[in-house]
Amino acid sequence: MNRYLKKSGFCLALLIVVIFGVSNVRAQQKSVKVDSTTNEIHSPKKASMLALVPGLGQIYNKKYWKLPIVYAGFGVTAFLGTTNRTEYIKFNNAYKCSVIEGEDCTNDLAQKYSSDELGTIKDYYRRNMELSFIVMGAWYILQILDASVDAHLYYWEIDDNLSVDIQPVIQPNIPQNLNPSQLNPYTGIKVRFKF
């Protein structure tokens, strides 16, 4: 029973504090005003720096649709590079076995191909492996440039007055002596830009 009185006494004291103490608690008189007119300027430098991590520059520019393209490029080049590297190592080992051990080589590829063929195939896979990694580096630089250019053009708007008109044209070929028998028409393309 004593325990019950302690709990009820504590609850009663807490209730009194809450009821009478709330009257002294007040909110701030002035609210903090947030200036909604100031916007952060879109920075091409920041987009370029973020693009050092592939895809972050495109995210900063809010071009989310480019993200799968960026990663697909890296995925394809990485897959081709590692596949060609695996094949290069396999044929390089067979080539070394064929050259060093000759007819005693137990490598399956060395028994299937001659040393010259193994050397040619090995060089083919090495060239493709190196080319894949070069293309991956170029793709990396290209996605950085894309993010930078896109950030520079972030505020640029295309209006309805910008258009290109392409039409086929048949022009008469007028010679200098104006002889009508020599009038041969020629074809061409007329391109008109409207700004």
C-alpha atoms as a PDB file:
ATOM      1  CA  MET A   1       0.000   0.000   0.000  1.00  0.00           C
ATOM      2  CA  ASN A   2       2.886   2.252   0.806  1.00  0.00           C
ATOM      3  CA  ARG A   3       4.229   1.746  -2.698  1.00  0.00           C
ATOM      4  CA  TYR A   4       0.877   2.715  -4.175  1.00  0.00           C
ATOM      5  CA  LEU A   5       0.837   5.985  -2.203  1.00  0.00           C
ATOM      6  CA  LYS A   6       4.333   6.859  -3.393  1.00  0.00           C
ATOM      7  CA  LYS A   7       3.342   6.342  -7.022  1.00  0.00           C
ATOM      8  CA  SER A   8       0.097   8.270  -6.707  1.00  0.00           C
ATOM      9  CA  GLY A   9       1.874  11.091  -4.853  1.00  0.00           C
ATOM     10  CA  PHE A  10       4.471  11.337  -7.588  1.00  0.00           C
ATOM     11  CA  CYS A  11       1.781  11.372 -10.281  1.00  0.00           C
ATOM     12  CA  LEU A  12      -0.183  14.059  -8.408  1.00  0.00           C
ATOM     13  CA  ALA A  13       2.924  16.247  -8.061  1.00  0.00           C
ATOM     14  CA  LEU A  14       3.706  15.803 -11.738  1.00  0.00           C
ATOM     15  CA  LEU A  15       0.136  16.732 -12.675  1.00  0.00           C
ATOM     16  CA  ILE A  16       0.273  19.917 -10.558  1.00  0.00           C
ATOM     17  CA  VAL A  17       3.584  20.963 -12.122  1.00  0.00           C
ATOM     18  CA  VAL A  18       2.248  20.369 -15.608  1.00  0.00           C
ATOM     19  CA  ILE A  19      -1.024  22.233 -15.040  1.00  0.00           C
ATOM     20  CA  PHE A  20       0.369  25.269 -13.225  1.00  0.00           C
ATOM     21  CA  GLY A  21       3.787  25.297 -14.835  1.00  0.00           C
ATOM     22  CA  VAL A  22       2.444  25.447 -18.373  1.00  0.00           C
ATOM     23  CA  SER A  23       1.016  28.908 -17.808  1.00  0.00           C
ATOM     24  CA  ASN A  24       4.550  30.301 -17.507  1.00  0.00           C
ATOM     25  CA  VAL A  25       5.820  28.640 -20.673  1.00  0.00           C
ATOM     26  CA  ARG A  26       5.492  30.820 -23.748  1.00  0.00           C
ATOM     27  CA  ALA A  27       6.499  30.556 -27.355  1.00  0.00           C
ATOM     28  CA  GLN A  28       8.750  33.118 -28.945  1.00  0.00           C
ATOM     29  CA  GLN A  29       7.049  36.315 -29.935  1.00  0.00           C
ATOM     30  CA  LYS A  30       8.845  36.661 -33.260  1.00  0.00           C
ATOM     31  CA  SER A  31       9.185  33.924 -35.799  1.00  0.00           C
ATOM     32  CA  VAL A  32      12.339  33.477 -37.783  1.00  0.00           C
ATOM     33  CA  LYS A  33      11.839  34.577 -41.362  1.00  0.00           C
ATOM     34  CA  VAL A  34      13.468  32.491 -44.047  1.00  0.00           C
ATOM     35  CA  ASP A  35      14.448  34.370 -47.165  1.00  0.00           C
ATOM     36  CA  SER A  36      13.022  32.258 -49.963  1.00  0.00           C
ATOM     37  CA  THR A  37      14.264  34.572 -52.716  1.00  0.00           C
ATOM     38  CA  THR A  38      17.908  33.567 -52.392  1.00  0.00           C
ATOM     39  CA  ASN A  39      18.824  30.496 -54.367  1.00  0.00           C
ATOM     40  CA  GLU A  40      22.135  28.752 -54.491  1.00  0.00           C
ATOM     41  CA  ILE A  41      23.870  29.445 -57.791  1.00  0.00           C
ATOM     42  CA  HIS A  42      24.522  26.351 -59.862  1.00  0.00           C
ATOM     43  CA  SER A  43      28.299  25.950 -60.000  1.00  0.00           C
ATOM     44  CA  PRO A  44      30.043  24.324 -62.996  1.00  0.00           C
ATOM     45  CA  LYS A  45      33.178  23.939 -60.869  1.00  0.00           C
ATOM     46  CA  LYS A  46      31.256  22.020 -58.229  1.00  0.00           C
ATOM     47  CA  ALA A  47      29.682  19.814 -60.913  1.00  0.00           C
ATOM     48  CA  SER A  48      33.123  19.052 -62.343  1.00  0.00           C
ATOM     49  CA  MET A  49      34.557  18.228 -58.930  1.00  0.00           C
ATOM     50  CA  LEU A  50      31.608  15.994 -58.079  1.00  0.00           C
ATOM     51  CA  ALA A  51      31.946  14.250 -61.448  1.00  0.00           C
ATOM     52  CA  LEU A  52      35.310  12.888 -60.311  1.00  0.00           C
ATOM     53  CA  VAL A  53      33.089  10.283 -58.664  1.00  0.00           C
ATOM     54  CA  PRO A  54      31.267   8.876 -61.707  1.00  0.00           C
ATOM     55  CA  GLY A  55      27.653   9.962 -61.847  1.00  0.00           C
ATOM     56  CA  LEU A  56      27.686  12.570 -59.069  1.00  0.00           C
ATOM     57  CA  GLY A  57      28.072  15.429 -61.546  1.00  0.00           C
ATOM     58  CA  GLN A  58      24.971  14.260 -63.391  1.00  0.00           C
ATOM     59  CA  ILE A  59      23.087  13.980 -60.087  1.00  0.00           C
ATOM     60  CA  TYR A  60      24.187  17.518 -59.120  1.00  0.00           C
ATOM     61  CA  ASN A  61      22.897  18.781 -62.481  1.00  0.00           C
ATOM     62  CA  LYS A  62      19.618  16.912 -61.873  1.00  0.00           C
ATOM     63  CA  LYS A  63      20.073  14.836 -65.030  1.00  0.00           C
ATOM     64  CA  TYR A  64      19.154  11.546 -63.416  1.00  0.00           C
ATOM     65  CA  TRP A  65      18.407   9.879 -66.751  1.00  0.00           C
ATOM     66  CA  LYS A  66      22.122  10.044 -67.645  1.00  0.00           C
ATOM     67  CA  LEU A  67      23.149   7.990 -64.614  1.00  0.00           C
ATOM     68  CA  PRO A  68      22.352   4.560 -66.124  1.00  0.00           C
ATOM     69  CA  ILE A  69      24.200   5.547 -69.298  1.00  0.00           C
ATOM     70  CA  VAL A  70      27.310   6.528 -67.338  1.00  0.00           C
ATOM     71  CA  TYR A  71      27.359   3.303 -65.347  1.00  0.00           C
ATOM     72  CA  ALA A  72      26.496   1.173 -68.382  1.00  0.00           C
ATOM     73  CA  GLY A  73      29.552   2.600 -70.145  1.00  0.00           C
ATOM     74  CA  PHE A  74      31.762   1.727 -67.198  1.00  0.00           C
ATOM     75  CA  GLY A  75      30.170  -1.690 -66.863  1.00  0.00           C
ATOM     76  CA  VAL A  76      30.622  -2.616 -70.522  1.00  0.00           C
ATOM     77  CA  THR A  77      34.234  -1.456 -70.697  1.00  0.00           C
ATOM     78  CA  ALA A  78      35.091  -3.154 -67.390  1.00  0.00           C
ATOM     79  CA  PHE A  79      33.480  -6.394 -68.557  1.00  0.00           C
ATOM     80  CA  LEU A  80      35.324  -6.328 -71.880  1.00  0.00           C
ATOM     81  CA  GLY A  81      38.602  -5.409 -70.198  1.00  0.00           C
ATOM     82  CA  THR A  82      38.444  -8.184 -67.616  1.00  0.00           C
ATOM     83  CA  THR A  83      37.245 -10.764 -70.148  1.00  0.00           C
ATOM     84  CA  ASN A  84      40.091  -9.914 -72.517  1.00  0.00           C
ATOM     85  CA  ARG A  85      42.541  -9.933 -69.600  1.00  0.00           C
ATOM     86  CA  THR A  86      41.421 -13.423 -68.575  1.00  0.00           C
ATOM     87  CA  GLU A  87      41.812 -14.702 -72.128  1.00  0.00           C
ATOM     88  CA  TYR A  88      45.183 -12.946 -72.479  1.00  0.00           C
ATOM     89  CA  ILE A  89      46.519 -14.618 -69.330  1.00  0.00           C
ATOM     90  CA  LYS A  90      45.238 -17.996 -70.490  1.00  0.00           C
ATOM     91  CA  PHE A  91      46.849 -17.729 -73.943  1.00  0.00           C
ATOM     92  CA  ASN A  92      50.015 -16.127 -72.564  1.00  0.00           C
ATOM     93  CA  ASN A  93      50.534 -19.093 -70.221  1.00  0.00           C
ATOM     94  CA  ALA A  94      49.924 -21.487 -73.123  1.00  0.00           C
ATOM     95  CA  TYR A  95      52.378 -19.533 -75.295  1.00  0.00           C
ATOM     96  CA  LYS A  96      55.073 -19.612 -72.595  1.00  0.00           C
ATOM     97  CA  CYS A  97      54.513 -23.338 -72.066  1.00  0.00           C
ATOM     98  CA  SER A  98      54.684 -23.983 -75.813  1.00  0.00           C
ATOM     99  CA  VAL A  99      57.890 -21.982 -76.289  1.00  0.00           C
ATOM    100  CA  ILE A 100      59.715 -23.236 -73.182  1.00  0.00           C
ATOM    101  CA  GLU A 101      58.646 -26.883 -73.037  1.00  0.00           C
ATOM    102  CA  GLY A 102      57.910 -27.460 -76.713  1.00  0.00           C
ATOM    103  CA  GLU A 103      56.203 -30.797 -77.419  1.00  0.00           C
ATOM    104  CA  ASP A 104      56.264 -31.785 -73.721  1.00  0.00           C
ATOM    105  CA  CYS A 105      53.815 -29.003 -72.772  1.00  0.00           C
ATOM    106  CA  THR A 106      50.664 -30.283 -71.047  1.00  0.00           C
ATOM    107  CA  ASN A 107      48.593 -27.137 -71.610  1.00  0.00           C
ATOM    108  CA  ASP A 108      45.432 -27.900 -73.626  1.00  0.00           C
ATOM    109  CA  LEU A 109      45.695 -24.707 -75.680  1.00  0.00           C
ATOM    110  CA  ALA A 110      49.362 -25.365 -76.465  1.00  0.00           C
ATOM    111  CA  GLN A 111      48.413 -28.775 -77.830  1.00  0.00           C
ATOM    112  CA  LYS A 112      45.568 -27.302 -79.899  1.00  0.00           C
ATOM    113  CA  TYR A 113      47.457 -24.315 -81.425  1.00  0.00           C
ATOM    114  CA  SER A 114      50.985 -23.791 -82.686  1.00  0.00           C
ATOM    115  CA  SER A 115      53.380 -21.336 -80.997  1.00  0.00           C
ATOM    116  CA  ASP A 116      52.869 -18.757 -83.748  1.00  0.00           C
ATOM    117  CA  GLU A 117      49.087 -18.998 -83.467  1.00  0.00           C
ATOM    118  CA  LEU A 118      49.272 -18.715 -79.683  1.00  0.00           C
ATOM    119  CA  GLY A 119      51.455 -15.602 -80.016  1.00  0.00           C
ATOM    120  CA  THR A 120      48.991 -14.018 -82.443  1.00  0.00           C
ATOM    121  CA  ILE A 121      45.972 -14.830 -80.261  1.00  0.00           C
ATOM    122  CA  LYS A 122      47.797 -13.622 -77.124  1.00  0.00           C
ATOM    123  CA  ASP A 123      48.632 -10.307 -78.812  1.00  0.00           C
ATOM    124  CA  TYR A 124      45.014  -9.961 -79.993  1.00  0.00           C
ATOM    125  CA  TYR A 125      43.637 -10.285 -76.451  1.00  0.00           C
ATOM    126  CA  ARG A 126      46.348  -8.003 -75.015  1.00  0.00           C
ATOM    127  CA  ARG A 127      45.499  -5.305 -77.575  1.00  0.00           C
ATOM    128  CA  ASN A 128      41.771  -5.599 -76.853  1.00  0.00           C
ATOM    129  CA  MET A 129      42.376  -5.526 -73.089  1.00  0.00           C
ATOM    130  CA  GLU A 130      44.457  -2.354 -73.342  1.00  0.00           C
ATOM    131  CA  LEU A 131      41.957  -0.784 -75.719  1.00  0.00           C
ATOM    132  CA  SER A 132      39.103  -1.537 -73.304  1.00  0.00           C
ATOM    133  CA  PHE A 133      40.901   0.204 -70.450  1.00  0.00           C
ATOM    134  CA  ILE A 134      41.775   3.177 -72.677  1.00  0.00           C
ATOM    135  CA  VAL A 135      38.103   3.478 -73.663  1.00  0.00           C
ATOM    136  CA  MET A 136      37.170   3.299 -69.969  1.00  0.00           C
ATOM    137  CA  GLY A 137      39.513   6.211 -69.240  1.00  0.00           C
ATOM    138  CA  ALA A 138      38.059   8.178 -72.146  1.00  0.00           C
ATOM    139  CA  TRP A 139      34.538   7.412 -70.878  1.00  0.00           C
ATOM    140  CA  TYR A 140      35.555   8.704 -67.433  1.00  0.00           C
ATOM    141  CA  ILE A 141      36.819  11.972 -68.919  1.00  0.00           C
ATOM    142  CA  LEU A 142      33.736  12.242 -71.136  1.00  0.00           C
ATOM    143  CA  GLN A 143      31.335  11.988 -68.187  1.00  0.00           C
ATOM    144  CA  ILE A 144      33.296  14.725 -66.372  1.00  0.00           C
ATOM    145  CA  LEU A 145      33.092  16.950 -69.458  1.00  0.00           C
ATOM    146  CA  ASP A 146      29.380  16.182 -69.794  1.00  0.00           C
ATOM    147  CA  ALA A 147      28.727  17.259 -66.211  1.00  0.00           C
ATOM    148  CA  SER A 148      30.781  20.433 -66.660  1.00  0.00           C
ATOM    149  CA  VAL A 149      29.129  21.470 -69.936  1.00  0.00           C
ATOM    150  CA  ASP A 150      25.694  20.617 -68.586  1.00  0.00           C
ATOM    151  CA  ALA A 151      26.374  22.786 -65.520  1.00  0.00           C
ATOM    152  CA  HIS A 152      27.477  25.688 -67.731  1.00  0.00           C
ATOM    153  CA  LEU A 153      24.225  25.398 -69.697  1.00  0.00           C
ATOM    154  CA  TYR A 154      22.056  24.866 -66.592  1.00  0.00           C
ATOM    155  CA  TYR A 155      20.251  28.221 -66.861  1.00  0.00           C
ATOM    156  CA  TRP A 156      20.167  28.326 -70.653  1.00  0.00           C
ATOM    157  CA  GLU A 157      16.655  28.029 -72.024  1.00  0.00           C
ATOM    158  CA  ILE A 158      15.619  27.025 -75.504  1.00  0.00           C
ATOM    159  CA  ASP A 159      12.690  29.037 -76.757  1.00  0.00           C
ATOM    160  CA  ASP A 160      10.259  28.204 -79.534  1.00  0.00           C
ATOM    161  CA  ASN A 161      11.958  30.529 -82.026  1.00  0.00           C
ATOM    162  CA  LEU A 162      15.009  28.290 -82.383  1.00  0.00           C
ATOM    163  CA  SER A 163      14.620  25.954 -85.358  1.00  0.00           C
ATOM    164  CA  VAL A 164      16.423  24.354 -88.279  1.00  0.00           C
ATOM    165  CA  ASP A 165      14.794  23.994 -91.680  1.00  0.00           C
ATOM    166  CA  ILE A 166      16.336  21.541 -94.174  1.00  0.00           C
ATOM    167  CA  GLN A 167      14.933  21.353 -97.713  1.00  0.00           C
ATOM    168  CA  PRO A 168      16.079  19.740-100.969  1.00  0.00           C
ATOM    169  CA  VAL A 169      16.686  22.254-103.769  1.00  0.00           C
ATOM    170  CA  ILE A 170      16.989  22.037-107.568  1.00  0.00           C
ATOM    171  CA  GLN A 171      18.936  25.012-108.938  1.00  0.00           C
ATOM    172  CA  PRO A 172      19.531  25.814-112.590  1.00  0.00           C
ATOM    173  CA  ASN A 173      23.176  25.839-113.593  1.00  0.00           C
ATOM    174  CA  ILE A 174      23.587  29.063-115.531  1.00  0.00           C
ATOM    175  CA  PRO A 175      26.795  29.183-117.585  1.00  0.00           C
ATOM    176  CA  GLN A 176      28.600  32.451-118.191  1.00  0.00           C
ATOM    177  CA  ASN A 177      27.772  32.609-121.901  1.00  0.00           C
ATOM    178  CA  LEU A 178      24.017  32.182-121.129  1.00  0.00           C
ATOM    179  CA  ASN A 179      23.576  29.475-123.731  1.00  0.00           C
ATOM    180  CA  PRO A 180      20.169  27.840-123.015  1.00  0.00           C
ATOM    181  CA  SER A 181      21.329  24.489-124.353  1.00  0.00           C
ATOM    182  CA  GLN A 182      23.866  24.258-121.540  1.00  0.00           C
ATOM    183  CA  LEU A 183      21.352  24.805-118.708  1.00  0.00           C
ATOM    184  CA  ASN A 184      21.699  21.704-116.571  1.00  0.00           C
ATOM    185  CA  PRO A 185      19.995  21.795-113.188  1.00  0.00           C
ATOM    186  CA  TYR A 186      21.838  20.541-110.137  1.00  0.00           C
ATOM    187  CA  THR A 187      20.513  19.362-106.806  1.00  0.00           C
ATOM    188  CA  GLY A 188      21.457  20.518-103.354  1.00  0.00           C
ATOM    189  CA  ILE A 189      20.291  20.964 -99.810  1.00  0.00           C
ATOM    190  CA  LYS A 190      19.129  24.258 -98.346  1.00  0.00           C
ATOM    191  CA  VAL A 191      19.673  24.647 -94.600  1.00  0.00           C
ATOM    192  CA  ARG A 192      18.088  27.587 -92.788  1.00  0.00           C
ATOM    193  CA  PHE A 193      18.636  28.416 -89.116  1.00  0.00           C
ATOM    194  CA  LYS A 194      16.077  30.546 -87.323  1.00  0.00           C
ATOM    195  CA  PHE A 195      17.022  32.222 -84.038  1.00  0.00           C
END
